[in-house]
Amino acid sequence: MPGMGTLVNVLAVLAGTSVGLLIKGGMKPRFEKTVMSAIGLVTFFIGISGAVTQMVVVAQDGSLSSRYTMLMILCLVVGAFIGEGIDIERRLDGLGEWCKGRLKLRSAAGSHFVEGFVSSSLLFCVGAMAIVGSLEDGLSHDPTTLYAKSVMDGVAAVLFAASLGVGVYFSCLSLAVYQGGITLLAGVIRPYLSEAVISQMSFIGSILIFALGFNLVFGKKVKVGNLLPAMFLPILFDLLASWWPWLASIYG
């Protein structure tokens, strides 16, 4: 059944968050700070490994070369202009504040609500597995990739909830809308997502995950939400290159 992968993913995040909140109840503040740093470091290296995997190419003679450098620059710069114009970060924060207000949380319970909601939403939704897994679920009814992602997200939810609290629960809304939307629209969008485009989107997504890890370790320095449009610009650039092939040589 299409959508089963996303359903399992959401349930895994809910279960992981519940476990994390149980742990948080008996965790001293100094432990919370150290756990948060650990999450940031893990997120750092998830982003780095994903970016290097897509960017570094090993030739037949064993030599190394890089690709997508210009694409990275174009996507991040243009994406930043678009995201800043829309001010996605502020809207995500506003949504988090709205949810927090509706719950009428005490100050202690809600102190990290928005950060938990936004950070976990970005982590669960940005990345190749979310895109590829949702496409596979929608096109071939194969949720295997999303099942594997569910395990990873469930573990991450434990750590996020243990440090940032109940806001992580609400990331399930973002996850359901994002992955569920891709699954439902898979037949429409798949023709525009070649293997190269998915690789490029994964590369940009990994850079955003790295930036998210940076924020978790050092405080909010990068508006990752406002960089989200960058992840989808490879689709536009690929479409433009189909009309003007010479463009591919610039950012390939």
C-alpha atoms as a PDB file:
ATOM      1  CA  MET A   1       0.000   0.000   0.000  1.00  0.00           C
ATOM      2  CA  PRO A   2       1.506   3.396  -0.980  1.00  0.00           C
ATOM      3  CA  GLY A   3       2.321   5.489   2.064  1.00  0.00           C
ATOM      4  CA  MET A   4       3.097   2.588   4.368  1.00  0.00           C
ATOM      5  CA  GLY A   5       6.754   3.632   4.534  1.00  0.00           C
ATOM      6  CA  THR A   6       5.862   7.138   5.698  1.00  0.00           C
ATOM      7  CA  LEU A   7       3.362   5.750   8.209  1.00  0.00           C
ATOM      8  CA  VAL A   8       6.008   3.481   9.734  1.00  0.00           C
ATOM      9  CA  ASN A   9       8.493   6.379   9.723  1.00  0.00           C
ATOM     10  CA  VAL A  10       6.062   8.606  11.624  1.00  0.00           C
ATOM     11  CA  LEU A  11       5.317   5.846  14.151  1.00  0.00           C
ATOM     12  CA  ALA A  12       9.062   5.293  14.684  1.00  0.00           C
ATOM     13  CA  VAL A  13       9.577   9.000  15.414  1.00  0.00           C
ATOM     14  CA  LEU A  14       6.620   9.016  17.805  1.00  0.00           C
ATOM     15  CA  ALA A  15       7.977   5.966  19.634  1.00  0.00           C
ATOM     16  CA  GLY A  16      11.521   7.369  19.765  1.00  0.00           C
ATOM     17  CA  THR A  17      10.260  10.717  21.036  1.00  0.00           C
ATOM     18  CA  SER A  18       8.258   9.006  23.780  1.00  0.00           C
ATOM     19  CA  VAL A  19      11.345   7.105  24.930  1.00  0.00           C
ATOM     20  CA  GLY A  20      13.402  10.301  24.800  1.00  0.00           C
ATOM     21  CA  LEU A  21      10.912  12.177  26.963  1.00  0.00           C
ATOM     22  CA  LEU A  22      11.024   9.401  29.561  1.00  0.00           C
ATOM     23  CA  ILE A  23      14.812   9.706  29.650  1.00  0.00           C
ATOM     24  CA  LYS A  24      14.619  13.514  29.791  1.00  0.00           C
ATOM     25  CA  GLY A  25      12.526  13.348  32.969  1.00  0.00           C
ATOM     26  CA  GLY A  26      15.476  12.061  34.938  1.00  0.00           C
ATOM     27  CA  MET A  27      18.265  13.912  33.125  1.00  0.00           C
ATOM     28  CA  LYS A  28      20.218  16.706  34.776  1.00  0.00           C
ATOM     29  CA  PRO A  29      20.864  19.917  32.785  1.00  0.00           C
ATOM     30  CA  ARG A  30      24.569  19.190  32.345  1.00  0.00           C
ATOM     31  CA  PHE A  31      23.714  15.839  30.776  1.00  0.00           C
ATOM     32  CA  GLU A  32      21.245  17.541  28.430  1.00  0.00           C
ATOM     33  CA  LYS A  33      23.959  19.907  27.233  1.00  0.00           C
ATOM     34  CA  THR A  34      26.436  17.093  26.597  1.00  0.00           C
ATOM     35  CA  VAL A  35      23.822  14.972  24.805  1.00  0.00           C
ATOM     36  CA  MET A  36      22.922  17.959  22.613  1.00  0.00           C
ATOM     37  CA  SER A  37      26.587  18.392  21.671  1.00  0.00           C
ATOM     38  CA  ALA A  38      26.777  14.683  20.844  1.00  0.00           C
ATOM     39  CA  ILE A  39      23.730  14.973  18.567  1.00  0.00           C
ATOM     40  CA  GLY A  40      25.317  17.953  16.838  1.00  0.00           C
ATOM     41  CA  LEU A  41      28.575  16.085  16.236  1.00  0.00           C
ATOM     42  CA  VAL A  42      26.735  13.061  14.842  1.00  0.00           C
ATOM     43  CA  THR A  43      24.706  15.340  12.562  1.00  0.00           C
ATOM     44  CA  PHE A  44      27.946  17.036  11.472  1.00  0.00           C
ATOM     45  CA  PHE A  45      29.451  13.809  10.251  1.00  0.00           C
ATOM     46  CA  ILE A  46      26.260  12.497   8.665  1.00  0.00           C
ATOM     47  CA  GLY A  47      26.264  15.662   6.569  1.00  0.00           C
ATOM     48  CA  ILE A  48      29.976  15.480   5.790  1.00  0.00           C
ATOM     49  CA  SER A  49      29.876  11.820   4.756  1.00  0.00           C
ATOM     50  CA  GLY A  50      26.828  12.381   2.545  1.00  0.00           C
ATOM     51  CA  ALA A  51      28.376  15.403   0.843  1.00  0.00           C
ATOM     52  CA  VAL A  52      31.759  13.733   0.274  1.00  0.00           C
ATOM     53  CA  THR A  53      30.092  10.605  -1.125  1.00  0.00           C
ATOM     54  CA  GLN A  54      28.334  12.653  -3.798  1.00  0.00           C
ATOM     55  CA  MET A  55      31.106  15.177  -4.463  1.00  0.00           C
ATOM     56  CA  VAL A  56      34.247  13.023  -4.658  1.00  0.00           C
ATOM     57  CA  VAL A  57      34.660  10.786  -7.722  1.00  0.00           C
ATOM     58  CA  VAL A  58      37.214   7.977  -7.953  1.00  0.00           C
ATOM     59  CA  ALA A  59      38.578   7.491 -11.487  1.00  0.00           C
ATOM     60  CA  GLN A  60      39.569   4.103 -12.903  1.00  0.00           C
ATOM     61  CA  ASP A  61      43.234   4.886 -12.277  1.00  0.00           C
ATOM     62  CA  GLY A  62      42.503   5.544  -8.605  1.00  0.00           C
ATOM     63  CA  SER A  63      42.815   9.321  -8.803  1.00  0.00           C
ATOM     64  CA  LEU A  64      40.286  11.540  -7.061  1.00  0.00           C
ATOM     65  CA  SER A  65      38.351  14.423  -8.534  1.00  0.00           C
ATOM     66  CA  SER A  66      35.427  16.529  -7.391  1.00  0.00           C
ATOM     67  CA  ARG A  67      32.164  17.486  -9.006  1.00  0.00           C
ATOM     68  CA  TYR A  68      29.167  19.729  -8.369  1.00  0.00           C
ATOM     69  CA  THR A  69      31.302  22.575  -6.965  1.00  0.00           C
ATOM     70  CA  MET A  70      29.673  25.254  -9.106  1.00  0.00           C
ATOM     71  CA  LEU A  71      26.280  23.619  -8.618  1.00  0.00           C
ATOM     72  CA  MET A  72      26.776  23.897  -4.849  1.00  0.00           C
ATOM     73  CA  ILE A  73      27.570  27.596  -5.097  1.00  0.00           C
ATOM     74  CA  LEU A  74      24.641  28.348  -7.407  1.00  0.00           C
ATOM     75  CA  CYS A  75      22.121  26.335  -5.409  1.00  0.00           C
ATOM     76  CA  LEU A  76      23.102  27.748  -2.029  1.00  0.00           C
ATOM     77  CA  VAL A  77      23.313  31.368  -3.185  1.00  0.00           C
ATOM     78  CA  VAL A  78      20.115  31.350  -5.253  1.00  0.00           C
ATOM     79  CA  GLY A  79      18.367  29.199  -2.643  1.00  0.00           C
ATOM     80  CA  ALA A  80      19.381  31.651   0.081  1.00  0.00           C
ATOM     81  CA  PHE A  81      17.835  34.552  -1.841  1.00  0.00           C
ATOM     82  CA  ILE A  82      14.596  32.626  -2.353  1.00  0.00           C
ATOM     83  CA  GLY A  83      14.441  31.320   1.210  1.00  0.00           C
ATOM     84  CA  GLU A  84      15.266  34.699   2.722  1.00  0.00           C
ATOM     85  CA  GLY A  85      12.645  36.350   0.535  1.00  0.00           C
ATOM     86  CA  ILE A  86      10.000  33.904   1.740  1.00  0.00           C
ATOM     87  CA  ASP A  87      11.604  33.847   5.215  1.00  0.00           C
ATOM     88  CA  ILE A  88      11.004  30.132   5.679  1.00  0.00           C
ATOM     89  CA  GLU A  89      12.910  30.060   8.968  1.00  0.00           C
ATOM     90  CA  ARG A  90      10.618  32.641  10.541  1.00  0.00           C
ATOM     91  CA  ARG A  91       7.546  30.783   9.302  1.00  0.00           C
ATOM     92  CA  LEU A  92       8.811  27.495  10.733  1.00  0.00           C
ATOM     93  CA  ASP A  93       9.536  29.197  14.045  1.00  0.00           C
ATOM     94  CA  GLY A  94       6.095  30.787  13.923  1.00  0.00           C
ATOM     95  CA  LEU A  95       4.460  27.416  13.330  1.00  0.00           C
ATOM     96  CA  GLY A  96       6.389  26.019  16.280  1.00  0.00           C
ATOM     97  CA  GLU A  97       5.321  28.927  18.473  1.00  0.00           C
ATOM     98  CA  TRP A  98       1.701  28.437  17.394  1.00  0.00           C
ATOM     99  CA  CYS A  99       1.807  24.745  18.329  1.00  0.00           C
ATOM    100  CA  LYS A 100       3.462  25.643  21.624  1.00  0.00           C
ATOM    101  CA  GLY A 101       0.775  28.230  22.358  1.00  0.00           C
ATOM    102  CA  ARG A 102      -2.044  25.822  21.567  1.00  0.00           C
ATOM    103  CA  LEU A 103      -0.571  23.319  24.022  1.00  0.00           C
ATOM    104  CA  LYS A 104      -0.246  25.992  26.735  1.00  0.00           C
ATOM    105  CA  LEU A 105       3.056  24.521  27.886  1.00  0.00           C
ATOM    106  CA  ARG A 106       4.768  25.676  31.044  1.00  0.00           C
ATOM    107  CA  SER A 107       7.937  27.672  30.470  1.00  0.00           C
ATOM    108  CA  ALA A 108      10.152  24.780  31.546  1.00  0.00           C
ATOM    109  CA  ALA A 109       8.453  22.295  29.237  1.00  0.00           C
ATOM    110  CA  GLY A 110       8.322  24.679  26.310  1.00  0.00           C
ATOM    111  CA  SER A 111      11.755  26.306  26.562  1.00  0.00           C
ATOM    112  CA  HIS A 112      13.190  24.250  23.680  1.00  0.00           C
ATOM    113  CA  PHE A 113       9.895  23.476  21.938  1.00  0.00           C
ATOM    114  CA  VAL A 114      10.505  25.498  18.771  1.00  0.00           C
ATOM    115  CA  GLU A 115      14.128  24.376  18.446  1.00  0.00           C
ATOM    116  CA  GLY A 116      13.064  20.754  18.879  1.00  0.00           C
ATOM    117  CA  PHE A 117      10.310  21.067  16.275  1.00  0.00           C
ATOM    118  CA  VAL A 118      12.374  22.907  13.653  1.00  0.00           C
ATOM    119  CA  SER A 119      15.658  21.003  14.091  1.00  0.00           C
ATOM    120  CA  SER A 120      14.082  17.550  14.076  1.00  0.00           C
ATOM    121  CA  SER A 121      11.799  18.442  11.143  1.00  0.00           C
ATOM    122  CA  LEU A 122      14.799  19.499   9.088  1.00  0.00           C
ATOM    123  CA  LEU A 123      16.828  16.427  10.018  1.00  0.00           C
ATOM    124  CA  PHE A 124      14.023  13.972   9.228  1.00  0.00           C
ATOM    125  CA  CYS A 125      12.993  15.622   5.946  1.00  0.00           C
ATOM    126  CA  VAL A 126      16.311  16.721   4.412  1.00  0.00           C
ATOM    127  CA  GLY A 127      18.271  13.954   2.757  1.00  0.00           C
ATOM    128  CA  ALA A 128      18.320  11.447  -0.072  1.00  0.00           C
ATOM    129  CA  MET A 129      16.529   8.655   1.789  1.00  0.00           C
ATOM    130  CA  ALA A 130      13.417  10.787   2.273  1.00  0.00           C
ATOM    131  CA  ILE A 131      13.218  11.555  -1.457  1.00  0.00           C
ATOM    132  CA  VAL A 132      14.284   8.208  -2.904  1.00  0.00           C
ATOM    133  CA  GLY A 133      12.344   6.186  -0.342  1.00  0.00           C
ATOM    134  CA  SER A 134       9.145   8.161  -0.917  1.00  0.00           C
ATOM    135  CA  LEU A 135       9.487   7.777  -4.693  1.00  0.00           C
ATOM    136  CA  GLU A 136      10.019   4.025  -4.385  1.00  0.00           C
ATOM    137  CA  ASP A 137       7.008   3.779  -2.068  1.00  0.00           C
ATOM    138  CA  GLY A 138       4.814   5.710  -4.480  1.00  0.00           C
ATOM    139  CA  LEU A 139       5.974   4.173  -7.770  1.00  0.00           C
ATOM    140  CA  SER A 140       6.711   0.536  -6.947  1.00  0.00           C
ATOM    141  CA  HIS A 141       5.040   0.245  -3.527  1.00  0.00           C
ATOM    142  CA  ASP A 142       8.412  -0.668  -2.053  1.00  0.00           C
ATOM    143  CA  PRO A 143       8.840   0.946   1.396  1.00  0.00           C
ATOM    144  CA  THR A 144      12.159  -0.782   2.172  1.00  0.00           C
ATOM    145  CA  THR A 145      14.243   2.415   2.094  1.00  0.00           C
ATOM    146  CA  LEU A 146      11.788   4.244   4.335  1.00  0.00           C
ATOM    147  CA  TYR A 147      11.780   1.302   6.763  1.00  0.00           C
ATOM    148  CA  ALA A 148      15.559   1.635   7.077  1.00  0.00           C
ATOM    149  CA  LYS A 149      15.171   5.416   7.485  1.00  0.00           C
ATOM    150  CA  SER A 150      12.561   4.790  10.187  1.00  0.00           C
ATOM    151  CA  VAL A 151      15.102   2.981  12.342  1.00  0.00           C
ATOM    152  CA  MET A 152      17.606   5.842  11.995  1.00  0.00           C
ATOM    153  CA  ASP A 153      14.969   8.519  12.648  1.00  0.00           C
ATOM    154  CA  GLY A 154      13.619   6.635  15.652  1.00  0.00           C
ATOM    155  CA  VAL A 155      17.050   6.586  17.280  1.00  0.00           C
ATOM    156  CA  ALA A 156      17.585  10.273  16.437  1.00  0.00           C
ATOM    157  CA  ALA A 157      14.174  11.097  17.925  1.00  0.00           C
ATOM    158  CA  VAL A 158      15.211   9.521  21.242  1.00  0.00           C
ATOM    159  CA  LEU A 159      18.259  11.782  21.427  1.00  0.00           C
ATOM    160  CA  PHE A 160      16.468  14.921  20.239  1.00  0.00           C
ATOM    161  CA  ALA A 161      13.546  14.464  22.620  1.00  0.00           C
ATOM    162  CA  ALA A 162      15.874  13.709  25.528  1.00  0.00           C
ATOM    163  CA  SER A 163      17.532  17.067  24.977  1.00  0.00           C
ATOM    164  CA  LEU A 164      14.890  19.296  23.338  1.00  0.00           C
ATOM    165  CA  GLY A 165      11.636  17.872  24.621  1.00  0.00           C
ATOM    166  CA  VAL A 166       8.094  17.572  23.332  1.00  0.00           C
ATOM    167  CA  GLY A 167       8.577  19.733  20.222  1.00  0.00           C
ATOM    168  CA  VAL A 168      10.052  16.692  18.472  1.00  0.00           C
ATOM    169  CA  TYR A 169       6.580  15.111  18.461  1.00  0.00           C
ATOM    170  CA  PHE A 170       5.345  17.790  16.098  1.00  0.00           C
ATOM    171  CA  SER A 171       8.076  17.089  13.543  1.00  0.00           C
ATOM    172  CA  CYS A 172       5.876  14.116  12.608  1.00  0.00           C
ATOM    173  CA  LEU A 173       3.544  16.614  10.924  1.00  0.00           C
ATOM    174  CA  SER A 174       6.353  17.895   8.717  1.00  0.00           C
ATOM    175  CA  LEU A 175       7.496  14.343   8.014  1.00  0.00           C
ATOM    176  CA  ALA A 176       4.006  13.129   7.070  1.00  0.00           C
ATOM    177  CA  VAL A 177       3.302  16.080   4.764  1.00  0.00           C
ATOM    178  CA  TYR A 178       6.743  16.027   3.075  1.00  0.00           C
ATOM    179  CA  GLN A 179       7.239  12.301   2.498  1.00  0.00           C
ATOM    180  CA  GLY A 180       3.541  11.622   2.049  1.00  0.00           C
ATOM    181  CA  GLY A 181       3.333  14.379  -0.544  1.00  0.00           C
ATOM    182  CA  ILE A 182       6.263  12.989  -2.528  1.00  0.00           C
ATOM    183  CA  THR A 183       4.720   9.494  -2.390  1.00  0.00           C
ATOM    184  CA  LEU A 184       1.339  10.707  -3.636  1.00  0.00           C
ATOM    185  CA  LEU A 185       2.914  12.816  -6.401  1.00  0.00           C
ATOM    186  CA  ALA A 186       5.604  10.269  -7.303  1.00  0.00           C
ATOM    187  CA  GLY A 187       4.194   9.541 -10.750  1.00  0.00           C
ATOM    188  CA  VAL A 188       4.127  13.253 -11.575  1.00  0.00           C
ATOM    189  CA  ILE A 189       7.578  14.272 -10.307  1.00  0.00           C
ATOM    190  CA  ARG A 190       9.608  11.128 -11.094  1.00  0.00           C
ATOM    191  CA  PRO A 191      10.219  12.049 -14.787  1.00  0.00           C
ATOM    192  CA  TYR A 192      12.003  15.189 -13.586  1.00  0.00           C
ATOM    193  CA  LEU A 193      14.255  13.324 -11.124  1.00  0.00           C
ATOM    194  CA  SER A 194      17.008  11.516 -12.989  1.00  0.00           C
ATOM    195  CA  GLU A 195      19.703   9.661 -11.052  1.00  0.00           C
ATOM    196  CA  ALA A 196      21.997  12.669 -11.539  1.00  0.00           C
ATOM    197  CA  VAL A 197      19.404  15.096 -10.171  1.00  0.00           C
ATOM    198  CA  ILE A 198      18.711  12.898  -7.137  1.00  0.00           C
ATOM    199  CA  SER A 199      22.475  12.712  -6.529  1.00  0.00           C
ATOM    200  CA  GLN A 200      22.728  16.509  -6.735  1.00  0.00           C
ATOM    201  CA  MET A 201      19.763  17.011  -4.385  1.00  0.00           C
ATOM    202  CA  SER A 202      21.326  14.545  -1.961  1.00  0.00           C
ATOM    203  CA  PHE A 203      24.583  16.507  -2.101  1.00  0.00           C
ATOM    204  CA  ILE A 204      22.912  19.825  -1.300  1.00  0.00           C
ATOM    205  CA  GLY A 205      20.772  18.160   1.364  1.00  0.00           C
ATOM    206  CA  SER A 206      23.883  16.758   3.044  1.00  0.00           C
ATOM    207  CA  ILE A 207      25.366  20.258   3.208  1.00  0.00           C
ATOM    208  CA  LEU A 208      22.186  21.463   4.933  1.00  0.00           C
ATOM    209  CA  ILE A 209      22.436  18.576   7.410  1.00  0.00           C
ATOM    210  CA  PHE A 210      26.012  19.660   8.133  1.00  0.00           C
ATOM    211  CA  ALA A 211      24.764  23.212   8.752  1.00  0.00           C
ATOM    212  CA  LEU A 212      22.107  21.846  11.087  1.00  0.00           C
ATOM    213  CA  GLY A 213      24.795  20.010  13.066  1.00  0.00           C
ATOM    214  CA  PHE A 214      26.801  23.244  13.219  1.00  0.00           C
ATOM    215  CA  ASN A 215      23.796  25.011  14.762  1.00  0.00           C
ATOM    216  CA  LEU A 216      23.253  22.236  17.294  1.00  0.00           C
ATOM    217  CA  VAL A 217      26.849  22.458  18.498  1.00  0.00           C
ATOM    218  CA  PHE A 218      27.463  26.217  18.364  1.00  0.00           C
ATOM    219  CA  GLY A 219      23.973  27.708  18.633  1.00  0.00           C
ATOM    220  CA  LYS A 220      21.814  29.046  15.829  1.00  0.00           C
ATOM    221  CA  LYS A 221      24.333  30.575  13.435  1.00  0.00           C
ATOM    222  CA  VAL A 222      22.970  29.410  10.056  1.00  0.00           C
ATOM    223  CA  LYS A 223      19.359  29.850   8.925  1.00  0.00           C
ATOM    224  CA  VAL A 224      19.035  26.325   7.583  1.00  0.00           C
ATOM    225  CA  GLY A 225      15.308  26.767   6.954  1.00  0.00           C
ATOM    226  CA  ASN A 226      16.002  29.676   4.616  1.00  0.00           C
ATOM    227  CA  LEU A 227      18.414  27.485   2.642  1.00  0.00           C
ATOM    228  CA  LEU A 228      15.838  24.746   1.991  1.00  0.00           C
ATOM    229  CA  PRO A 229      14.987  25.952  -1.562  1.00  0.00           C
ATOM    230  CA  ALA A 230      18.604  25.181  -2.521  1.00  0.00           C
ATOM    231  CA  MET A 231      17.882  21.466  -2.239  1.00  0.00           C
ATOM    232  CA  PHE A 232      15.288  21.590  -5.028  1.00  0.00           C
ATOM    233  CA  LEU A 233      17.147  23.889  -7.439  1.00  0.00           C
ATOM    234  CA  PRO A 234      18.976  20.984  -9.179  1.00  0.00           C
ATOM    235  CA  ILE A 235      15.585  20.100 -10.706  1.00  0.00           C
ATOM    236  CA  LEU A 236      15.330  23.599 -12.198  1.00  0.00           C
ATOM    237  CA  PHE A 237      18.941  23.623 -13.387  1.00  0.00           C
ATOM    238  CA  ASP A 238      18.496  20.201 -15.007  1.00  0.00           C
ATOM    239  CA  LEU A 239      15.406  21.462 -16.818  1.00  0.00           C
ATOM    240  CA  LEU A 240      17.297  24.538 -18.046  1.00  0.00           C
ATOM    241  CA  ALA A 241      20.196  22.315 -19.186  1.00  0.00           C
ATOM    242  CA  SER A 242      17.775  20.258 -21.277  1.00  0.00           C
ATOM    243  CA  TRP A 243      17.014  23.455 -23.208  1.00  0.00           C
ATOM    244  CA  TRP A 244      20.554  24.852 -23.189  1.00  0.00           C
ATOM    245  CA  PRO A 245      22.992  21.892 -22.904  1.00  0.00           C
ATOM    246  CA  TRP A 246      26.005  24.161 -22.446  1.00  0.00           C
ATOM    247  CA  LEU A 247      24.744  25.002 -18.957  1.00  0.00           C
ATOM    248  CA  ALA A 248      25.510  21.458 -17.771  1.00  0.00           C
ATOM    249  CA  SER A 249      29.227  22.014 -18.377  1.00  0.00           C
ATOM    250  CA  ILE A 250      29.176  24.996 -15.991  1.00  0.00           C
ATOM    251  CA  TYR A 251      27.770  23.300 -12.900  1.00  0.00           C
ATOM    252  CA  GLY A 252      28.336  19.603 -13.604  1.00  0.00           C
END
